[in-house]
Amino acid sequence: MGRRRDEAPSTEDVAAWFAGRLPDEWFTGTPEVTVDREEITVLGTLPALEDTFSDEAARSSAESGRVSRFREQTREERISIARQAEHRFHRKVAWGARLGGTEEVFTSLAVPVMTRLRQPERIVLDTLVSAGVARSRSDALSWAVRLVGEHTESWLAELREAMQRVDELRNRGPEAD
């Protein structure tokens, strides 16, 4: 069964594609690849720092500097790889690096999402804004979604697995006798 013209290509092999396409020396292992409808995020772990540091603040600064160096030194090649992936998978690519306790994602999309909220939900958002937790309703909603995601990750993982099984069954279709 072919793909419709307005349908995005399959991303089943996206992690394998990146694992085969990325230079071996960039990351210490296979990068974490996350895909949604708009974006692919590639997050890799950089080689550990070998220096000793006087305190955690110094270590954190060194990690941040190393991540920044990786970003600058790999920019042109990351752009080239991203263009290939965008052509193949019809999604933008964001890159990130992790080192020790430091993690940074570069140029990730912020996609607007329309939603309708009733007054009780709007009051929650407005309370977060009034308390200074968020700058706007949009920031408050983003904060709330992140918080829910952090506290329900195992449930969300189970749900994603179930959805993947449904997709597999749907793609296979009914068997003819």
C-alpha atoms as a PDB file:
ATOM      1  CA  MET A   1       0.000   0.000   0.000  1.00  0.00           C
ATOM      2  CA  GLY A   2       1.545   3.328  -1.085  1.00  0.00           C
ATOM      3  CA  ARG A   3       1.760   6.580   0.786  1.00  0.00           C
ATOM      4  CA  ARG A   4      -0.665   9.427   0.056  1.00  0.00           C
ATOM      5  CA  ARG A   5       0.869  12.633  -1.291  1.00  0.00           C
ATOM      6  CA  ASP A   6      -0.023  14.676   1.818  1.00  0.00           C
ATOM      7  CA  GLU A   7       1.157  11.964   4.202  1.00  0.00           C
ATOM      8  CA  ALA A   8       4.597  12.237   5.814  1.00  0.00           C
ATOM      9  CA  PRO A   9       6.987   9.370   5.123  1.00  0.00           C
ATOM     10  CA  SER A  10       7.480   6.654   7.713  1.00  0.00           C
ATOM     11  CA  THR A  11       9.967   7.358  10.476  1.00  0.00           C
ATOM     12  CA  GLU A  12      10.365   3.744  11.597  1.00  0.00           C
ATOM     13  CA  ASP A  13      14.006   3.729  10.472  1.00  0.00           C
ATOM     14  CA  VAL A  14      14.915   7.285  11.509  1.00  0.00           C
ATOM     15  CA  ALA A  15      17.068   6.272  14.508  1.00  0.00           C
ATOM     16  CA  ALA A  16      18.886   3.644  12.434  1.00  0.00           C
ATOM     17  CA  TRP A  17      19.421   6.158   9.628  1.00  0.00           C
ATOM     18  CA  PHE A  18      21.029   8.650  12.020  1.00  0.00           C
ATOM     19  CA  ALA A  19      23.091   5.916  13.706  1.00  0.00           C
ATOM     20  CA  GLY A  20      24.527   4.993  10.312  1.00  0.00           C
ATOM     21  CA  ARG A  21      24.884   8.558   9.028  1.00  0.00           C
ATOM     22  CA  LEU A  22      26.535  10.335  11.974  1.00  0.00           C
ATOM     23  CA  PRO A  23      30.326  10.416  12.346  1.00  0.00           C
ATOM     24  CA  ASP A  24      31.481   7.789  14.868  1.00  0.00           C
ATOM     25  CA  GLU A  25      33.599  10.271  16.820  1.00  0.00           C
ATOM     26  CA  TRP A  26      30.754  12.671  17.657  1.00  0.00           C
ATOM     27  CA  PHE A  27      29.066  10.734  20.465  1.00  0.00           C
ATOM     28  CA  THR A  28      30.026   8.006  22.927  1.00  0.00           C
ATOM     29  CA  GLY A  29      27.116   5.798  21.887  1.00  0.00           C
ATOM     30  CA  THR A  30      24.016   5.759  19.777  1.00  0.00           C
ATOM     31  CA  PRO A  31      22.248   9.117  20.066  1.00  0.00           C
ATOM     32  CA  GLU A  32      18.726   9.407  21.441  1.00  0.00           C
ATOM     33  CA  VAL A  33      16.379  10.212  18.541  1.00  0.00           C
ATOM     34  CA  THR A  34      12.919  11.629  19.263  1.00  0.00           C
ATOM     35  CA  VAL A  35      10.332  12.149  16.517  1.00  0.00           C
ATOM     36  CA  ASP A  36       7.004  13.932  16.413  1.00  0.00           C
ATOM     37  CA  ARG A  37       4.881  15.273  13.544  1.00  0.00           C
ATOM     38  CA  GLU A  38       7.046  18.372  13.005  1.00  0.00           C
ATOM     39  CA  GLU A  39      10.553  17.614  14.240  1.00  0.00           C
ATOM     40  CA  ILE A  40      13.314  15.077  14.785  1.00  0.00           C
ATOM     41  CA  THR A  41      15.588  15.732  17.756  1.00  0.00           C
ATOM     42  CA  VAL A  42      18.998  14.044  17.859  1.00  0.00           C
ATOM     43  CA  LEU A  43      20.590  14.138  21.329  1.00  0.00           C
ATOM     44  CA  GLY A  44      24.012  12.560  21.796  1.00  0.00           C
ATOM     45  CA  THR A  45      26.369  12.126  24.724  1.00  0.00           C
ATOM     46  CA  LEU A  46      29.808  13.691  24.375  1.00  0.00           C
ATOM     47  CA  PRO A  47      32.988  12.017  25.676  1.00  0.00           C
ATOM     48  CA  ALA A  48      33.535  12.615  29.397  1.00  0.00           C
ATOM     49  CA  LEU A  49      35.843  15.360  30.613  1.00  0.00           C
ATOM     50  CA  GLU A  50      39.145  14.010  31.923  1.00  0.00           C
ATOM     51  CA  ASP A  51      40.158  17.078  33.936  1.00  0.00           C
ATOM     52  CA  THR A  52      39.616  17.466  37.679  1.00  0.00           C
ATOM     53  CA  PHE A  53      37.713  20.500  38.898  1.00  0.00           C
ATOM     54  CA  SER A  54      37.744  22.434  42.143  1.00  0.00           C
ATOM     55  CA  ASP A  55      33.953  22.326  42.493  1.00  0.00           C
ATOM     56  CA  GLU A  56      30.689  21.530  40.710  1.00  0.00           C
ATOM     57  CA  ALA A  57      30.367  25.064  39.346  1.00  0.00           C
ATOM     58  CA  ALA A  58      33.724  24.717  37.570  1.00  0.00           C
ATOM     59  CA  ARG A  59      32.765  21.285  36.219  1.00  0.00           C
ATOM     60  CA  SER A  60      29.425  22.631  34.995  1.00  0.00           C
ATOM     61  CA  SER A  61      31.174  25.531  33.243  1.00  0.00           C
ATOM     62  CA  ALA A  62      33.610  23.147  31.560  1.00  0.00           C
ATOM     63  CA  GLU A  63      30.740  20.909  30.417  1.00  0.00           C
ATOM     64  CA  SER A  64      28.857  23.892  29.025  1.00  0.00           C
ATOM     65  CA  GLY A  65      31.985  25.040  27.207  1.00  0.00           C
ATOM     66  CA  ARG A  66      32.546  21.588  25.699  1.00  0.00           C
ATOM     67  CA  VAL A  67      28.928  21.415  24.477  1.00  0.00           C
ATOM     68  CA  SER A  68      29.337  24.889  22.958  1.00  0.00           C
ATOM     69  CA  ARG A  69      32.579  23.801  21.239  1.00  0.00           C
ATOM     70  CA  PHE A  70      30.854  20.718  19.817  1.00  0.00           C
ATOM     71  CA  ARG A  71      28.049  22.902  18.489  1.00  0.00           C
ATOM     72  CA  GLU A  72      30.450  25.281  16.724  1.00  0.00           C
ATOM     73  CA  GLN A  73      32.846  22.635  15.362  1.00  0.00           C
ATOM     74  CA  THR A  74      30.116  20.406  13.911  1.00  0.00           C
ATOM     75  CA  ARG A  75      27.755  23.127  12.618  1.00  0.00           C
ATOM     76  CA  GLU A  76      28.383  22.730   8.874  1.00  0.00           C
ATOM     77  CA  GLU A  77      28.229  18.929   8.918  1.00  0.00           C
ATOM     78  CA  ARG A  78      25.117  18.942  11.140  1.00  0.00           C
ATOM     79  CA  ILE A  79      23.410  21.293   8.685  1.00  0.00           C
ATOM     80  CA  SER A  80      24.285  18.984   5.776  1.00  0.00           C
ATOM     81  CA  ILE A  81      23.010  15.901   7.602  1.00  0.00           C
ATOM     82  CA  ALA A  82      19.857  17.768   8.690  1.00  0.00           C
ATOM     83  CA  ARG A  83      19.086  18.736   5.083  1.00  0.00           C
ATOM     84  CA  GLN A  84      19.370  15.105   4.008  1.00  0.00           C
ATOM     85  CA  ALA A  85      17.118  13.984   6.881  1.00  0.00           C
ATOM     86  CA  GLU A  86      14.580  16.748   6.219  1.00  0.00           C
ATOM     87  CA  HIS A  87      14.365  15.657   2.592  1.00  0.00           C
ATOM     88  CA  ARG A  88      14.000  11.999   3.553  1.00  0.00           C
ATOM     89  CA  PHE A  89      11.632  12.315   6.550  1.00  0.00           C
ATOM     90  CA  HIS A  90       9.843  15.646   5.833  1.00  0.00           C
ATOM     91  CA  ARG A  91      10.588  17.019   9.305  1.00  0.00           C
ATOM     92  CA  LYS A  92      12.956  19.643  10.679  1.00  0.00           C
ATOM     93  CA  VAL A  93      15.959  18.394  12.646  1.00  0.00           C
ATOM     94  CA  ALA A  94      17.114  19.745  16.007  1.00  0.00           C
ATOM     95  CA  TRP A  95      20.430  18.743  17.540  1.00  0.00           C
ATOM     96  CA  GLY A  96      21.517  18.463  21.128  1.00  0.00           C
ATOM     97  CA  ALA A  97      24.422  17.325  23.245  1.00  0.00           C
ATOM     98  CA  ARG A  98      24.690  15.955  26.766  1.00  0.00           C
ATOM     99  CA  LEU A  99      27.788  15.929  28.943  1.00  0.00           C
ATOM    100  CA  GLY A 100      27.642  15.063  32.635  1.00  0.00           C
ATOM    101  CA  GLY A 101      24.858  17.144  34.141  1.00  0.00           C
ATOM    102  CA  THR A 102      24.704  19.517  31.178  1.00  0.00           C
ATOM    103  CA  GLU A 103      22.224  19.038  28.338  1.00  0.00           C
ATOM    104  CA  GLU A 104      21.511  21.519  25.579  1.00  0.00           C
ATOM    105  CA  VAL A 105      19.262  21.242  22.530  1.00  0.00           C
ATOM    106  CA  PHE A 106      20.124  23.634  19.692  1.00  0.00           C
ATOM    107  CA  THR A 107      17.513  25.445  17.582  1.00  0.00           C
ATOM    108  CA  SER A 108      14.494  23.345  18.474  1.00  0.00           C
ATOM    109  CA  LEU A 109      11.112  24.305  17.023  1.00  0.00           C
ATOM    110  CA  ALA A 110       8.486  26.037  19.117  1.00  0.00           C
ATOM    111  CA  VAL A 111       5.257  25.041  17.377  1.00  0.00           C
ATOM    112  CA  PRO A 112       2.035  26.909  18.128  1.00  0.00           C
ATOM    113  CA  VAL A 113      -0.798  24.674  19.292  1.00  0.00           C
ATOM    114  CA  MET A 114      -4.367  25.938  19.336  1.00  0.00           C
ATOM    115  CA  THR A 115      -6.543  24.859  22.212  1.00  0.00           C
ATOM    116  CA  ARG A 116      -9.884  25.770  23.714  1.00  0.00           C
ATOM    117  CA  LEU A 117     -10.019  26.142  27.460  1.00  0.00           C
ATOM    118  CA  ARG A 118     -12.976  26.728  29.706  1.00  0.00           C
ATOM    119  CA  GLN A 119     -12.850  29.278  32.493  1.00  0.00           C
ATOM    120  CA  PRO A 120     -11.532  26.930  35.243  1.00  0.00           C
ATOM    121  CA  GLU A 121      -8.527  26.001  33.063  1.00  0.00           C
ATOM    122  CA  ARG A 122      -7.931  29.654  32.089  1.00  0.00           C
ATOM    123  CA  ILE A 123      -7.977  30.606  35.771  1.00  0.00           C
ATOM    124  CA  VAL A 124      -5.229  28.041  36.441  1.00  0.00           C
ATOM    125  CA  LEU A 125      -3.089  29.552  33.679  1.00  0.00           C
ATOM    126  CA  ASP A 126      -3.789  33.102  34.856  1.00  0.00           C
ATOM    127  CA  THR A 127      -2.804  32.152  38.429  1.00  0.00           C
ATOM    128  CA  LEU A 128       0.551  30.833  37.167  1.00  0.00           C
ATOM    129  CA  VAL A 129       1.077  34.102  35.264  1.00  0.00           C
ATOM    130  CA  SER A 130       0.044  36.283  38.223  1.00  0.00           C
ATOM    131  CA  ALA A 131       2.371  34.344  40.547  1.00  0.00           C
ATOM    132  CA  GLY A 132       5.302  34.879  38.186  1.00  0.00           C
ATOM    133  CA  VAL A 133       5.692  31.171  37.419  1.00  0.00           C
ATOM    134  CA  ALA A 134       5.082  31.950  33.732  1.00  0.00           C
ATOM    135  CA  ARG A 135       5.253  35.080  31.575  1.00  0.00           C
ATOM    136  CA  SER A 136       2.073  34.344  29.637  1.00  0.00           C
ATOM    137  CA  ARG A 137      -0.761  31.855  29.274  1.00  0.00           C
ATOM    138  CA  SER A 138       1.262  30.165  26.554  1.00  0.00           C
ATOM    139  CA  ASP A 139       4.268  29.777  28.881  1.00  0.00           C
ATOM    140  CA  ALA A 140       1.978  28.545  31.667  1.00  0.00           C
ATOM    141  CA  LEU A 141       0.445  25.899  29.420  1.00  0.00           C
ATOM    142  CA  SER A 142       3.902  24.794  28.249  1.00  0.00           C
ATOM    143  CA  TRP A 143       5.055  24.581  31.885  1.00  0.00           C
ATOM    144  CA  ALA A 144       2.002  22.503  32.819  1.00  0.00           C
ATOM    145  CA  VAL A 145       2.530  20.095  29.915  1.00  0.00           C
ATOM    146  CA  ARG A 146       6.221  19.618  30.877  1.00  0.00           C
ATOM    147  CA  LEU A 147       5.214  18.958  34.489  1.00  0.00           C
ATOM    148  CA  VAL A 148       2.608  16.370  33.487  1.00  0.00           C
ATOM    149  CA  GLY A 149       5.132  14.719  31.153  1.00  0.00           C
ATOM    150  CA  GLU A 150       7.734  14.454  33.935  1.00  0.00           C
ATOM    151  CA  HIS A 151       5.303  12.922  36.401  1.00  0.00           C
ATOM    152  CA  THR A 152       3.575  10.479  34.065  1.00  0.00           C
ATOM    153  CA  GLU A 153       6.457   9.293  31.847  1.00  0.00           C
ATOM    154  CA  SER A 154       5.956   5.559  32.536  1.00  0.00           C
ATOM    155  CA  TRP A 155       2.235   5.809  31.744  1.00  0.00           C
ATOM    156  CA  LEU A 156       2.957   7.801  28.565  1.00  0.00           C
ATOM    157  CA  ALA A 157       5.563   5.194  27.528  1.00  0.00           C
ATOM    158  CA  GLU A 158       2.974   2.415  27.925  1.00  0.00           C
ATOM    159  CA  LEU A 159       0.465   4.434  25.925  1.00  0.00           C
ATOM    160  CA  ARG A 160       3.001   5.003  23.111  1.00  0.00           C
ATOM    161  CA  GLU A 161       3.766   1.266  23.005  1.00  0.00           C
ATOM    162  CA  ALA A 162       0.050   0.449  22.763  1.00  0.00           C
ATOM    163  CA  MET A 163      -0.398   2.997  19.971  1.00  0.00           C
ATOM    164  CA  GLN A 164       2.558   1.503  18.105  1.00  0.00           C
ATOM    165  CA  ARG A 165       0.972  -1.965  18.331  1.00  0.00           C
ATOM    166  CA  VAL A 166      -2.325  -0.549  16.977  1.00  0.00           C
ATOM    167  CA  ASP A 167      -0.420   1.059  14.071  1.00  0.00           C
ATOM    168  CA  GLU A 168       1.290  -2.261  13.299  1.00  0.00           C
ATOM    169  CA  LEU A 169      -2.049  -4.070  13.258  1.00  0.00           C
ATOM    170  CA  ARG A 170      -3.667  -1.358  11.148  1.00  0.00           C
ATOM    171  CA  ASN A 171      -0.810  -1.480   8.601  1.00  0.00           C
ATOM    172  CA  ARG A 172      -0.979  -5.265   8.401  1.00  0.00           C
ATOM    173  CA  GLY A 173      -4.719  -5.174   7.738  1.00  0.00           C
ATOM    174  CA  PRO A 174      -7.117  -8.095   7.916  1.00  0.00           C
ATOM    175  CA  GLU A 175      -5.820 -11.419   6.685  1.00  0.00           C
ATOM    176  CA  ALA A 176      -7.715 -12.944   3.783  1.00  0.00           C
ATOM    177  CA  ASP A 177      -8.801 -16.554   4.144  1.00  0.00           C
END
